[in-house]
Amino acid sequence: MSIAVSNSKIEAQMRPLLALAVLLAAQPAAGQIREPPASMETRLAAGAFDELCFELGAGESMRYSFDADAPLDFNVHWHQGGVVSYPVRIAAVARLGAVFRSPNKEAYCLMWSNRSRTSVPLRARIDRDE
């Protein structure tokens, strides 16, 4: 037994998937380096995390701020081989604005973790601190 499906039906079924793929491709991946000014708006699922990453030279500064609808764990970190360094680490914070000055030339990430049982909307922004 064979099932005949017209090309127009297949195209109609594939259109929403193609639209989703285009939308996802337009969004920066977690951990992708962003050039400031940059912002993100997301909804962190329960148990999930997200990052906003950027590069700084030694002695350069970055202003960052975020606002979440519920407390999240937050950190600023960078990777040196298998070692992760955390110059900023704050548990259960919903809003924050600060300036981070880079001790070394590195790629840094702001990271939020949602330890709650519900998703949490999050809005964040980074800007050069001239």
Protein backbone atom coordinates (compact mmCIF):
# COMPACT_ATOMS: atom_id res chain seq x y z
CA MET A 1 0.00 0.00 0.00
CA SER A 2 1.33 3.44 -0.89
CA ILE A 3 0.20 6.82 0.31
CA ALA A 4 0.24 9.70 -2.13
CA VAL A 5 0.74 13.15 -0.65
CA SER A 6 0.75 16.22 -2.85
CA ASN A 7 3.67 18.61 -2.84
CA SER A 8 1.37 21.46 -1.78
CA LYS A 9 0.35 19.55 1.38
CA ILE A 10 3.97 18.86 2.25
CA GLU A 11 4.89 22.50 1.63
CA ALA A 12 1.99 23.66 3.82
CA GLN A 13 3.13 21.36 6.63
CA MET A 14 6.76 22.45 6.33
CA ARG A 15 6.08 26.22 6.28
CA PRO A 16 5.69 26.59 10.09
CA LEU A 17 8.88 24.56 10.66
CA LEU A 18 10.80 26.72 8.21
CA ALA A 19 9.52 29.89 9.91
CA LEU A 20 10.65 28.54 13.30
CA ALA A 21 14.09 27.66 11.91
CA VAL A 22 14.51 31.20 10.53
CA LEU A 23 13.42 32.72 13.85
CA LEU A 24 15.85 30.56 15.84
CA ALA A 25 18.71 31.32 13.45
CA ALA A 26 18.14 35.05 14.02
CA GLN A 27 18.51 34.67 17.80
CA PRO A 28 22.05 34.58 19.25
CA ALA A 29 22.94 31.20 20.72
CA ALA A 30 23.65 30.97 24.44
CA GLY A 31 27.31 31.76 24.98
CA GLN A 32 27.71 33.53 21.64
CA ILE A 33 29.88 36.66 21.91
CA ARG A 34 27.80 39.84 21.53
CA GLU A 35 29.13 43.30 20.76
CA PRO A 36 27.64 45.99 23.02
CA PRO A 37 25.28 47.67 23.14
CA ALA A 38 23.30 44.46 23.20
CA SER A 39 20.19 43.23 24.92
CA MET A 40 18.28 40.02 25.36
CA GLU A 41 14.77 39.12 26.36
CA THR A 42 13.98 35.52 27.17
CA ARG A 43 11.95 33.22 29.35
CA LEU A 44 14.08 30.89 31.45
CA ALA A 45 12.43 27.51 31.85
CA ALA A 46 12.47 25.85 35.27
CA GLY A 47 15.96 24.47 35.87
CA ALA A 48 17.42 26.25 32.81
CA PHE A 49 20.15 28.85 32.36
CA ASP A 50 21.05 31.47 29.77
CA GLU A 51 24.09 33.65 29.08
CA LEU A 52 24.99 36.99 27.54
CA CYS A 53 28.67 36.98 26.59
CA PHE A 54 31.10 39.71 25.52
CA GLU A 55 34.83 40.40 25.23
CA LEU A 56 36.81 42.97 27.18
CA GLY A 57 40.44 44.02 27.10
CA ALA A 58 42.45 44.39 30.32
CA GLY A 59 41.15 47.39 32.27
CA GLU A 60 38.05 47.89 30.08
CA SER A 61 34.61 48.17 31.69
CA MET A 62 31.12 46.96 30.81
CA ARG A 63 27.84 48.25 32.26
CA TYR A 64 25.22 45.57 32.68
CA SER A 65 21.70 45.45 34.01
CA PHE A 66 18.89 42.94 34.20
CA ASP A 67 15.36 42.60 35.42
CA ALA A 68 13.59 39.27 36.02
CA ASP A 69 10.06 38.56 37.18
CA ALA A 70 11.39 36.34 39.99
CA PRO A 71 14.78 35.79 41.68
CA LEU A 72 17.46 33.99 39.66
CA ASP A 73 21.02 32.96 40.49
CA PHE A 74 23.43 35.29 38.67
CA ASN A 75 27.14 35.30 37.94
CA VAL A 76 29.81 36.84 35.77
CA HIS A 77 32.38 34.25 34.70
CA TRP A 78 35.08 33.31 32.22
CA HIS A 79 36.79 30.07 31.24
CA GLN A 80 40.53 29.42 31.39
CA GLY A 81 40.92 25.94 29.96
CA GLY A 82 38.97 23.68 32.33
CA VAL A 83 38.84 26.29 35.11
CA VAL A 84 35.89 28.68 35.48
CA SER A 85 36.48 31.94 37.37
CA TYR A 86 33.59 33.84 39.01
CA PRO A 87 34.39 37.46 39.93
CA VAL A 88 30.65 38.05 40.59
CA ARG A 89 28.25 35.49 42.08
CA ILE A 90 24.85 36.39 43.56
CA ALA A 91 22.11 33.97 44.60
CA ALA A 92 18.41 34.77 44.25
CA VAL A 93 18.43 38.25 42.68
CA ALA A 94 15.70 39.67 40.42
CA ARG A 95 17.20 43.05 39.46
CA LEU A 96 20.71 44.39 39.26
CA GLY A 97 22.72 47.10 37.57
CA ALA A 98 26.50 47.31 37.89
CA VAL A 99 29.81 47.94 36.16
CA PHE A 100 32.32 45.14 35.64
CA ARG A 101 36.00 46.04 35.07
CA SER A 102 38.07 43.37 33.35
CA PRO A 103 41.32 42.41 35.09
CA ASN A 104 42.51 40.62 31.91
CA LYS A 105 41.64 40.37 28.23
CA GLU A 106 38.93 37.68 28.26
CA ALA A 107 35.58 36.59 26.90
CA TYR A 108 33.16 37.01 29.82
CA CYS A 109 29.59 35.78 30.27
CA LEU A 110 26.74 37.03 32.40
CA MET A 111 24.80 33.92 33.39
CA TRP A 112 21.37 33.43 34.97
CA SER A 113 20.13 30.13 36.40
CA ASN A 114 16.52 29.42 37.27
CA ARG A 115 16.24 27.08 40.27
CA SER A 116 12.48 27.61 40.58
CA ARG A 117 9.73 25.26 39.37
CA THR A 118 8.26 27.79 36.93
CA SER A 119 9.62 29.73 33.97
CA VAL A 120 10.85 33.26 34.61
CA PRO A 121 10.89 36.16 32.10
CA LEU A 122 14.27 37.92 31.96
CA ARG A 123 15.43 41.13 30.29
CA ALA A 124 19.13 42.06 30.20
CA ARG A 125 21.41 44.66 28.61
CA ILE A 126 25.13 45.34 28.26
CA ASP A 127 26.80 48.63 27.29
CA ARG A 128 30.40 49.81 27.09
CA ASP A 129 31.37 51.92 30.09
CA GLU A 130 33.46 54.61 28.44
